[in-house]
């Protein structure tokens, strides 16, 4: 795990045939009250769907995105990282219950 200047915790962990990228915002508590599957339209890498895991026992929910091992290149990982880190606030706000 590591944090970046965008107020998120980033987790990388291998799963069977995938690299899971997990992102938990630490800038504030987002009002996410259920698990949410959604499409990240601009990425050509990884699976079509991302997932926000509702975690009431933690400080925030976690956005998860999976990259298949066949697509693991520095360029592909960088593309996913850049998109998610630059859009994490917008993604969470989109699904936040007001």
C-alpha atoms as a PDB file:
ATOM      1  CA  UNK A   1       0.000   0.000   0.000  1.00  0.00           C
ATOM      2  CA  UNK A   2       1.073   3.569  -0.592  1.00  0.00           C
ATOM      3  CA  UNK A   3      -0.519   6.992  -0.679  1.00  0.00           C
ATOM      4  CA  UNK A   4      -0.160   9.697  -3.277  1.00  0.00           C
ATOM      5  CA  UNK A   5      -0.647  13.457  -3.353  1.00  0.00           C
ATOM      6  CA  UNK A   6      -4.293  13.040  -4.363  1.00  0.00           C
ATOM      7  CA  UNK A   7      -5.417  11.876  -0.909  1.00  0.00           C
ATOM      8  CA  UNK A   8      -5.883   8.198  -1.665  1.00  0.00           C
ATOM      9  CA  UNK A   9      -4.484   4.924  -0.412  1.00  0.00           C
ATOM     10  CA  UNK A  10      -3.481   2.625  -3.259  1.00  0.00           C
ATOM     11  CA  UNK A  11      -3.297  -1.147  -2.946  1.00  0.00           C
ATOM     12  CA  UNK A  12      -1.827  -3.547  -5.486  1.00  0.00           C
ATOM     13  CA  UNK A  13      -2.338  -7.224  -4.977  1.00  0.00           C
ATOM     14  CA  UNK A  14      -2.206 -10.209  -7.299  1.00  0.00           C
ATOM     15  CA  UNK A  15      -5.208 -12.440  -7.702  1.00  0.00           C
ATOM     16  CA  UNK A  16      -5.489 -15.584  -9.776  1.00  0.00           C
ATOM     17  CA  UNK A  17      -4.588 -14.310 -13.256  1.00  0.00           C
ATOM     18  CA  UNK A  18      -5.066 -10.621 -12.412  1.00  0.00           C
ATOM     19  CA  UNK A  19      -3.458  -7.629 -10.775  1.00  0.00           C
ATOM     20  CA  UNK A  20      -6.018  -5.912  -8.550  1.00  0.00           C
ATOM     21  CA  UNK A  21      -5.656  -2.162  -8.176  1.00  0.00           C
ATOM     22  CA  UNK A  22      -7.530  -0.894  -5.112  1.00  0.00           C
ATOM     23  CA  UNK A  23      -8.022   2.775  -4.265  1.00  0.00           C
ATOM     24  CA  UNK A  24      -9.483   4.152  -1.031  1.00  0.00           C
ATOM     25  CA  UNK A  25     -10.036   7.920  -0.833  1.00  0.00           C
ATOM     26  CA  UNK A  26      -8.802   9.535   2.379  1.00  0.00           C
ATOM     27  CA  UNK A  27      -9.785  13.132   1.643  1.00  0.00           C
ATOM     28  CA  UNK A  28     -13.243  12.661   3.184  1.00  0.00           C
ATOM     29  CA  UNK A  29     -15.871  10.016   3.926  1.00  0.00           C
ATOM     30  CA  UNK A  30     -18.023   9.337   0.857  1.00  0.00           C
ATOM     31  CA  UNK A  31     -21.626   8.266   1.422  1.00  0.00           C
ATOM     32  CA  UNK A  32     -21.499   4.942  -0.415  1.00  0.00           C
ATOM     33  CA  UNK A  33     -24.019   2.513   1.087  1.00  0.00           C
ATOM     34  CA  UNK A  34     -23.822  -0.532  -1.193  1.00  0.00           C
ATOM     35  CA  UNK A  35     -21.519  -2.453  -3.533  1.00  0.00           C
ATOM     36  CA  UNK A  36     -21.518  -0.885  -7.002  1.00  0.00           C
ATOM     37  CA  UNK A  37     -20.376  -2.313 -10.352  1.00  0.00           C
ATOM     38  CA  UNK A  38     -19.776   0.195 -13.118  1.00  0.00           C
ATOM     39  CA  UNK A  39     -18.017   0.586 -16.454  1.00  0.00           C
ATOM     40  CA  UNK A  40     -14.903   2.695 -16.903  1.00  0.00           C
ATOM     41  CA  UNK A  41     -15.446   3.740 -20.529  1.00  0.00           C
ATOM     42  CA  UNK A  42     -12.103   5.251 -21.513  1.00  0.00           C
ATOM     43  CA  UNK A  43      -9.780   2.413 -20.548  1.00  0.00           C
ATOM     44  CA  UNK A  44      -8.669  -0.090 -23.172  1.00  0.00           C
ATOM     45  CA  UNK A  45      -6.882  -2.127 -20.517  1.00  0.00           C
ATOM     46  CA  UNK A  46      -8.312  -4.587 -18.022  1.00  0.00           C
ATOM     47  CA  UNK A  47     -11.871  -5.675 -17.519  1.00  0.00           C
ATOM     48  CA  UNK A  48     -14.849  -3.627 -18.663  1.00  0.00           C
ATOM     49  CA  UNK A  49     -16.174  -3.267 -15.132  1.00  0.00           C
ATOM     50  CA  UNK A  50     -14.818  -1.720 -11.984  1.00  0.00           C
ATOM     51  CA  UNK A  51     -16.241  -2.234  -8.528  1.00  0.00           C
ATOM     52  CA  UNK A  52     -16.746  -0.068  -5.460  1.00  0.00           C
ATOM     53  CA  UNK A  53     -16.796  -2.296  -2.398  1.00  0.00           C
ATOM     54  CA  UNK A  54     -18.987  -0.954   0.405  1.00  0.00           C
ATOM     55  CA  UNK A  55     -16.966  -1.185   3.624  1.00  0.00           C
ATOM     56  CA  UNK A  56     -18.885   0.252   6.577  1.00  0.00           C
ATOM     57  CA  UNK A  57     -16.246  -0.961   9.043  1.00  0.00           C
ATOM     58  CA  UNK A  58     -13.476   1.036   7.283  1.00  0.00           C
ATOM     59  CA  UNK A  59     -12.946   4.734   6.738  1.00  0.00           C
ATOM     60  CA  UNK A  60     -14.205   4.536   3.154  1.00  0.00           C
ATOM     61  CA  UNK A  61     -15.309   2.204   0.400  1.00  0.00           C
ATOM     62  CA  UNK A  62     -12.666   0.804  -1.984  1.00  0.00           C
ATOM     63  CA  UNK A  63     -12.634   1.176  -5.762  1.00  0.00           C
ATOM     64  CA  UNK A  64     -11.251  -1.989  -7.368  1.00  0.00           C
ATOM     65  CA  UNK A  65     -10.090  -2.552 -10.917  1.00  0.00           C
ATOM     66  CA  UNK A  66      -8.547  -5.725 -12.350  1.00  0.00           C
ATOM     67  CA  UNK A  67      -5.898  -6.004 -15.051  1.00  0.00           C
ATOM     68  CA  UNK A  68      -5.493  -9.499 -16.569  1.00  0.00           C
ATOM     69  CA  UNK A  69      -1.945 -10.888 -16.435  1.00  0.00           C
ATOM     70  CA  UNK A  70      -1.848 -10.962 -20.252  1.00  0.00           C
ATOM     71  CA  UNK A  71      -2.179  -7.164 -20.248  1.00  0.00           C
ATOM     72  CA  UNK A  72       0.358  -6.419 -17.520  1.00  0.00           C
ATOM     73  CA  UNK A  73       2.782  -3.957 -19.045  1.00  0.00           C
ATOM     74  CA  UNK A  74       4.204  -0.765 -17.615  1.00  0.00           C
ATOM     75  CA  UNK A  75       2.258   1.246 -20.194  1.00  0.00           C
ATOM     76  CA  UNK A  76      -1.062  -0.439 -19.357  1.00  0.00           C
ATOM     77  CA  UNK A  77      -0.591  -0.173 -15.593  1.00  0.00           C
ATOM     78  CA  UNK A  78       0.347   3.503 -16.005  1.00  0.00           C
ATOM     79  CA  UNK A  79      -2.789   4.153 -18.097  1.00  0.00           C
ATOM     80  CA  UNK A  80      -5.036   2.588 -15.456  1.00  0.00           C
ATOM     81  CA  UNK A  81      -3.269   4.365 -12.579  1.00  0.00           C
ATOM     82  CA  UNK A  82      -3.441   7.749 -14.275  1.00  0.00           C
ATOM     83  CA  UNK A  83      -7.111   7.451 -15.127  1.00  0.00           C
ATOM     84  CA  UNK A  84      -8.228   6.203 -11.724  1.00  0.00           C
ATOM     85  CA  UNK A  85      -6.065   8.548  -9.670  1.00  0.00           C
ATOM     86  CA  UNK A  86      -7.125  11.560 -11.731  1.00  0.00           C
ATOM     87  CA  UNK A  87     -10.817  10.624 -11.538  1.00  0.00           C
ATOM     88  CA  UNK A  88     -11.289   8.930  -8.161  1.00  0.00           C
ATOM     89  CA  UNK A  89     -13.072  11.909  -6.614  1.00  0.00           C
ATOM     90  CA  UNK A  90     -15.418  12.233  -9.611  1.00  0.00           C
ATOM     91  CA  UNK A  91     -16.116   8.474  -9.601  1.00  0.00           C
ATOM     92  CA  UNK A  92     -16.980   8.385  -5.901  1.00  0.00           C
ATOM     93  CA  UNK A  93     -19.116  11.526  -6.095  1.00  0.00           C
ATOM     94  CA  UNK A  94     -21.035  10.033  -9.034  1.00  0.00           C
ATOM     95  CA  UNK A  95     -22.192   7.106  -6.893  1.00  0.00           C
ATOM     96  CA  UNK A  96     -22.496   8.909  -3.586  1.00  0.00           C
ATOM     97  CA  UNK A  97     -25.970   8.974  -2.068  1.00  0.00           C
ATOM     98  CA  UNK A  98     -26.955  12.556  -1.397  1.00  0.00           C
END
